[in-house]
C-alpha atoms as a PDB file:
ATOM      1  CA  GLU A   1      -7.512  -1.407 -13.577  1.00  0.00           C
ATOM      2  CA  ILE A   2      -7.182   1.601 -15.863  1.00  0.00           C
ATOM      3  CA  ALA A   3      -8.967   1.600 -19.175  1.00  0.00           C
ATOM      4  CA  HIS A   4      -7.409   4.230 -21.433  1.00  0.00           C
ATOM      5  CA  MET A   5      -7.114   4.613 -25.181  1.00  0.00           C
ATOM      6  CA  ALA A   6      -4.846   7.206 -26.774  1.00  0.00           C
ATOM      7  CA  GLY A   7      -6.829  10.366 -27.432  1.00  0.00           C
ATOM      8  CA  ALA A   8     -10.004   8.958 -25.856  1.00  0.00           C
ATOM      9  CA  GLY A   9     -10.129  11.377 -22.924  1.00  0.00           C
ATOM     10  CA  PRO A  10      -9.160  10.815 -19.313  1.00  0.00           C
ATOM     11  CA  PRO A  11      -8.480   7.280 -18.031  1.00  0.00           C
ATOM     12  CA  GLN A  12     -11.427   5.404 -16.544  1.00  0.00           C
ATOM     13  CA  TRP A  13     -10.771   3.516 -13.283  1.00  0.00           C
ATOM     14  CA  ARG A  14     -12.545   0.203 -12.604  1.00  0.00           C
ATOM     15  CA  PHE A  15     -12.391  -2.237  -9.701  1.00  0.00           C
ATOM     16  CA  ARG A  16     -10.748  -5.497 -10.694  1.00  0.00           C
ATOM     17  CA  GLN A  17      -9.919  -6.999  -7.344  1.00  0.00           C
ATOM     18  CA  ILE A  18     -11.841  -6.802  -4.073  1.00  0.00           C
ATOM     19  CA  PHE A  19     -10.468  -7.817  -0.661  1.00  0.00           C
ATOM     20  CA  GLY A  20     -12.445  -9.351   2.162  1.00  0.00           C
ATOM     21  CA  GLU A  21     -16.066 -10.350   2.300  1.00  0.00           C
ATOM     22  CA  ARG A  22     -18.831  -7.804   2.302  1.00  0.00           C
ATOM     23  CA  ASP A  23     -22.573  -8.150   2.239  1.00  0.00           C
ATOM     24  CA  PRO A  24     -24.011  -5.969  -0.573  1.00  0.00           C
ATOM     25  CA  SER A  25     -26.674  -4.643   1.803  1.00  0.00           C
ATOM     26  CA  GLU A  26     -24.017  -3.541   4.304  1.00  0.00           C
ATOM     27  CA  GLU A  27     -23.283   0.194   4.526  1.00  0.00           C
ATOM     28  CA  THR A  28     -19.643   1.226   4.226  1.00  0.00           C
ATOM     29  CA  ALA A  29     -18.455   2.880   7.422  1.00  0.00           C
ATOM     30  CA  GLU A  30     -16.973   6.376   7.084  1.00  0.00           C
ATOM     31  CA  GLU A  31     -13.666   5.306   8.688  1.00  0.00           C
ATOM     32  CA  ASP A  32     -13.252   2.487   6.134  1.00  0.00           C
ATOM     33  CA  LEU A  33     -13.129   4.852   3.141  1.00  0.00           C
ATOM     34  CA  ILE A  34      -9.700   5.057   1.532  1.00  0.00           C
ATOM     35  CA  SER A  35      -8.143   8.508   1.775  1.00  0.00           C
ATOM     36  CA  ALA A  36      -4.617   7.874   0.393  1.00  0.00           C
ATOM     37  CA  VAL A  37      -3.007   5.412  -2.041  1.00  0.00           C
ATOM     38  CA  GLU A  38       0.650   5.045  -2.990  1.00  0.00           C
ATOM     39  CA  PHE A  39       2.633   2.440  -4.964  1.00  0.00           C
ATOM     40  CA  ASN A  40       6.306   1.942  -4.145  1.00  0.00           C
ATOM     41  CA  GLU A  41       8.798   2.891  -6.859  1.00  0.00           C
ATOM     42  CA  ASP A  42       8.624  -0.406  -8.765  1.00  0.00           C
ATOM     43  CA  GLY A  43       4.959  -1.205  -8.147  1.00  0.00           C
ATOM     44  CA  THR A  44       5.544  -4.355  -6.094  1.00  0.00           C
ATOM     45  CA  TYR A  45       3.864  -2.869  -3.007  1.00  0.00           C
ATOM     46  CA  LEU A  46       0.714  -0.807  -2.636  1.00  0.00           C
ATOM     47  CA  ALA A  47      -0.066   1.139   0.542  1.00  0.00           C
ATOM     48  CA  THR A  48      -3.527   2.477   1.312  1.00  0.00           C
ATOM     49  CA  GLY A  49      -4.571   4.737   4.173  1.00  0.00           C
ATOM     50  CA  ASP A  50      -8.117   5.229   5.362  1.00  0.00           C
ATOM     51  CA  ARG A  51     -10.129   7.746   7.350  1.00  0.00           C
ATOM     52  CA  GLY A  52      -9.794   5.542  10.439  1.00  0.00           C
ATOM     53  CA  GLY A  53      -6.000   6.072  10.521  1.00  0.00           C
ATOM     54  CA  ARG A  54      -5.143   2.548   9.355  1.00  0.00           C
ATOM     55  CA  ILE A  55      -2.549   1.662   6.749  1.00  0.00           C
ATOM     56  CA  VAL A  56      -2.922  -1.544   4.757  1.00  0.00           C
ATOM     57  CA  ILE A  57      -0.068  -2.770   2.574  1.00  0.00           C
ATOM     58  CA  PHE A  58      -0.556  -5.140  -0.333  1.00  0.00           C
ATOM     59  CA  GLU A  59       2.118  -7.115  -2.187  1.00  0.00           C
ATOM     60  CA  SER A  60       2.145  -7.779  -5.923  1.00  0.00           C
ATOM     61  CA  SER A  61       1.487 -11.300  -7.195  1.00  0.00           C
ATOM     62  CA  GLU A  62       4.712 -10.904  -9.206  1.00  0.00           C
ATOM     63  CA  MET A  63       6.601 -11.414  -5.945  1.00  0.00           C
ATOM     64  CA  ASP A  64       5.532 -15.106  -5.909  1.00  0.00           C
ATOM     65  CA  SER A  65       8.514 -16.004  -8.053  1.00  0.00           C
ATOM     66  CA  VAL A  66      10.931 -14.192  -5.738  1.00  0.00           C
ATOM     67  CA  PRO A  67      12.045 -16.148  -2.651  1.00  0.00           C
ATOM     68  CA  ARG A  68      11.201 -14.557   0.701  1.00  0.00           C
ATOM     69  CA  SER A  69      14.195 -13.484   2.688  1.00  0.00           C
ATOM     70  CA  THR A  70      14.801 -13.619   6.380  1.00  0.00           C
ATOM     71  CA  GLY A  71      15.667 -10.572   8.407  1.00  0.00           C
ATOM     72  CA  HIS A  72      16.197  -7.263   6.685  1.00  0.00           C
ATOM     73  CA  ALA A  73      17.759  -8.457   3.431  1.00  0.00           C
ATOM     74  CA  ARG A  74      16.218  -6.876   0.356  1.00  0.00           C
ATOM     75  CA  ARG A  75      14.203  -8.941  -2.089  1.00  0.00           C
ATOM     76  CA  GLU A  76      15.072  -8.142  -5.641  1.00  0.00           C
ATOM     77  CA  ARG A  77      12.178  -7.053  -7.802  1.00  0.00           C
ATOM     78  CA  PRO A  78      11.377  -8.943 -11.001  1.00  0.00           C
ATOM     79  CA  ARG A  79      13.648  -7.940 -13.883  1.00  0.00           C
ATOM     80  CA  TYR A  80      12.612  -7.396 -17.486  1.00  0.00           C
ATOM     81  CA  ALA A  81      15.040  -7.557 -20.394  1.00  0.00           C
ATOM     82  CA  ASP A  82      13.490  -4.542 -22.104  1.00  0.00           C
ATOM     83  CA  GLY A  83      13.725  -2.199 -19.078  1.00  0.00           C
ATOM     84  CA  GLU A  84      11.061  -0.243 -17.247  1.00  0.00           C
ATOM     85  CA  GLU A  85       9.132   0.577 -20.429  1.00  0.00           C
ATOM     86  CA  GLY A  86       8.822  -3.116 -21.241  1.00  0.00           C
ATOM     87  CA  MET A  87       7.720  -3.847 -17.700  1.00  0.00           C
ATOM     88  CA  VAL A  88       4.858  -1.358 -17.956  1.00  0.00           C
ATOM     89  CA  ALA A  89       3.825  -2.689 -21.366  1.00  0.00           C
ATOM     90  CA  ARG A  90       3.833  -6.291 -20.144  1.00  0.00           C
ATOM     91  CA  ARG A  91       1.833  -5.459 -17.047  1.00  0.00           C
ATOM     92  CA  SER A  92      -0.839  -3.660 -19.019  1.00  0.00           C
ATOM     93  CA  ALA A  93      -1.053  -6.163 -21.854  1.00  0.00           C
ATOM     94  CA  ALA A  94      -0.459  -9.740 -20.790  1.00  0.00           C
ATOM     95  CA  SER A  95      -0.003 -10.256 -17.083  1.00  0.00           C
ATOM     96  CA  ARG A  96      -2.688  -8.631 -14.992  1.00  0.00           C
ATOM     97  CA  VAL A  97      -1.003  -7.965 -11.680  1.00  0.00           C
ATOM     98  CA  GLU A  98      -3.037  -8.722  -8.597  1.00  0.00           C
ATOM     99  CA  TYR A  99      -2.219  -7.719  -5.052  1.00  0.00           C
ATOM    100  CA  ARG A 100      -2.575  -9.727  -1.859  1.00  0.00           C
ATOM    101  CA  PHE A 101      -2.675  -8.614   1.749  1.00  0.00           C
ATOM    102  CA  TYR A 102       0.803  -8.058   3.258  1.00  0.00           C
ATOM    103  CA  CYS A 103       0.216  -6.235   6.565  1.00  0.00           C
ATOM    104  CA  GLU A 104      -2.007  -3.733   8.351  1.00  0.00           C
ATOM    105  CA  PHE A 105      -1.349  -1.363  11.235  1.00  0.00           C
ATOM    106  CA  GLN A 106      -2.864   1.632  13.016  1.00  0.00           C
ATOM    107  CA  SER A 107      -0.864   4.690  12.005  1.00  0.00           C
ATOM    108  CA  HIS A 108      -2.746   7.585  13.589  1.00  0.00           C
ATOM    109  CA  GLU A 109      -5.176   7.965  16.484  1.00  0.00           C
ATOM    110  CA  PRO A 110      -7.584  10.871  17.047  1.00  0.00           C
ATOM    111  CA  GLU A 111      -5.920  13.720  18.982  1.00  0.00           C
ATOM    112  CA  PHE A 112      -6.890  17.026  20.499  1.00  0.00           C
ATOM    113  CA  ASP A 113      -4.791  20.169  19.958  1.00  0.00           C
ATOM    114  CA  TYR A 114      -5.177  22.044  23.246  1.00  0.00           C
ATOM    115  CA  LEU A 115      -3.497  25.216  21.942  1.00  0.00           C
ATOM    116  CA  LYS A 116      -5.972  25.628  19.079  1.00  0.00           C
ATOM    117  CA  SER A 117      -8.899  23.859  20.822  1.00  0.00           C
ATOM    118  CA  LEU A 118      -9.203  21.671  17.744  1.00  0.00           C
ATOM    119  CA  GLU A 119      -9.864  17.975  17.333  1.00  0.00           C
ATOM    120  CA  ILE A 120      -7.388  16.298  14.948  1.00  0.00           C
ATOM    121  CA  GLU A 121      -8.849  13.452  12.882  1.00  0.00           C
ATOM    122  CA  GLU A 122      -6.943  10.206  12.481  1.00  0.00           C
ATOM    123  CA  ARG A 123      -7.563  10.266   8.699  1.00  0.00           C
ATOM    124  CA  ILE A 124      -4.465   9.528   6.591  1.00  0.00           C
ATOM    125  CA  ASN A 125      -3.903  12.483   4.245  1.00  0.00           C
ATOM    126  CA  ARG A 126      -0.803  11.276   2.438  1.00  0.00           C
ATOM    127  CA  ILE A 127       1.405   8.191   2.169  1.00  0.00           C
ATOM    128  CA  ARG A 128       4.865   8.203   0.636  1.00  0.00           C
ATOM    129  CA  TRP A 129       7.300   5.307   0.188  1.00  0.00           C
ATOM    130  CA  CYS A 130      10.937   6.181   0.808  1.00  0.00           C
ATOM    131  CA  ARG A 131      14.200   4.321   0.695  1.00  0.00           C
ATOM    132  CA  GLY A 132      15.443   3.011   3.975  1.00  0.00           C
ATOM    133  CA  PHE A 133      18.952   2.020   4.850  1.00  0.00           C
ATOM    134  CA  ALA A 134      20.294  -1.482   4.090  1.00  0.00           C
ATOM    135  CA  GLY A 135      17.493  -2.140   1.590  1.00  0.00           C
ATOM    136  CA  SER A 136      14.629  -1.828   4.070  1.00  0.00           C
ATOM    137  CA  ARG A 137      11.283  -0.359   3.051  1.00  0.00           C
ATOM    138  CA  CYS A 138      10.105   2.783   4.809  1.00  0.00           C
ATOM    139  CA  LEU A 139       6.775   4.558   4.668  1.00  0.00           C
ATOM    140  CA  LEU A 140       5.797   8.094   5.645  1.00  0.00           C
ATOM    141  CA  SER A 141       2.213   8.751   6.692  1.00  0.00           C
ATOM    142  CA  THR A 142       0.583  11.995   7.734  1.00  0.00           C
ATOM    143  CA  ASN A 143      -2.672  13.284   9.123  1.00  0.00           C
ATOM    144  CA  ASP A 144      -3.489  16.988   9.700  1.00  0.00           C
ATOM    145  CA  LYS A 145      -0.874  17.338  12.447  1.00  0.00           C
ATOM    146  CA  THR A 146       1.661  14.504  12.623  1.00  0.00           C
ATOM    147  CA  ILE A 147       4.083  12.877  10.178  1.00  0.00           C
ATOM    148  CA  LYS A 148       5.185   9.338  11.065  1.00  0.00           C
ATOM    149  CA  LEU A 149       7.984   7.222   9.604  1.00  0.00           C
ATOM    150  CA  TRP A 150       7.414   3.460   9.548  1.00  0.00           C
ATOM    151  CA  LYS A 151       9.972   0.756   8.809  1.00  0.00           C
ATOM    152  CA  ILE A 152       8.340  -2.190   7.035  1.00  0.00           C
ATOM    153  CA  TYR A 153      10.199  -5.462   7.414  1.00  0.00           C
ATOM    154  CA  GLU A 154       9.661  -9.177   7.660  1.00  0.00           C
ATOM    155  CA  LYS A 155      10.237 -10.896  10.943  1.00  0.00           C
ATOM    156  CA  THR A 156      10.475 -14.637  11.473  1.00  0.00           C
ATOM    157  CA  VAL A 157       8.252 -15.693  14.352  1.00  0.00           C
ATOM    158  CA  LYS A 158       9.189 -18.871  16.197  1.00  0.00           C
ATOM    159  CA  LEU A 159       6.493 -20.896  17.871  1.00  0.00           C
ATOM    160  CA  VAL A 160       7.566 -22.605  21.061  1.00  0.00           C
ATOM    161  CA  THR A 161       5.457 -25.524  22.254  1.00  0.00           C
ATOM    162  CA  SER A 162       5.865 -27.608  25.334  1.00  0.00           C
END
């Protein structure tokens, strides 16, 4: 959540939503610290990268009203009659958007650069959403050495029982 009044200085960030369960006496591990955050272009997805090389993607609660598709078909984002400006105003005023877990994956592993005799951390330095083909969602992630392109899609899993 951002608390900001016109002319009142820089915005103040506050936690509004916490994921998972954590004991207050528990120390936060270094690899669990977030090192990169990026919203997609319309704010329906949020990707975070951490120092352990993991990427976690969250989906906006606004997507509840949009039916899930099968395969690679694109889900349309929620539309607002008053355009993007109205969407931002509504989000900040009335409907507090919350995010829920969508998926998690290991993006980078620790490496060793033999030419420079240097250990490369798995820490995610930057995440960037980009447009894929046929409406798919793609994500770029980078550490100090490697850039990776990920295609994010939904896959229907069938359970076979005997």
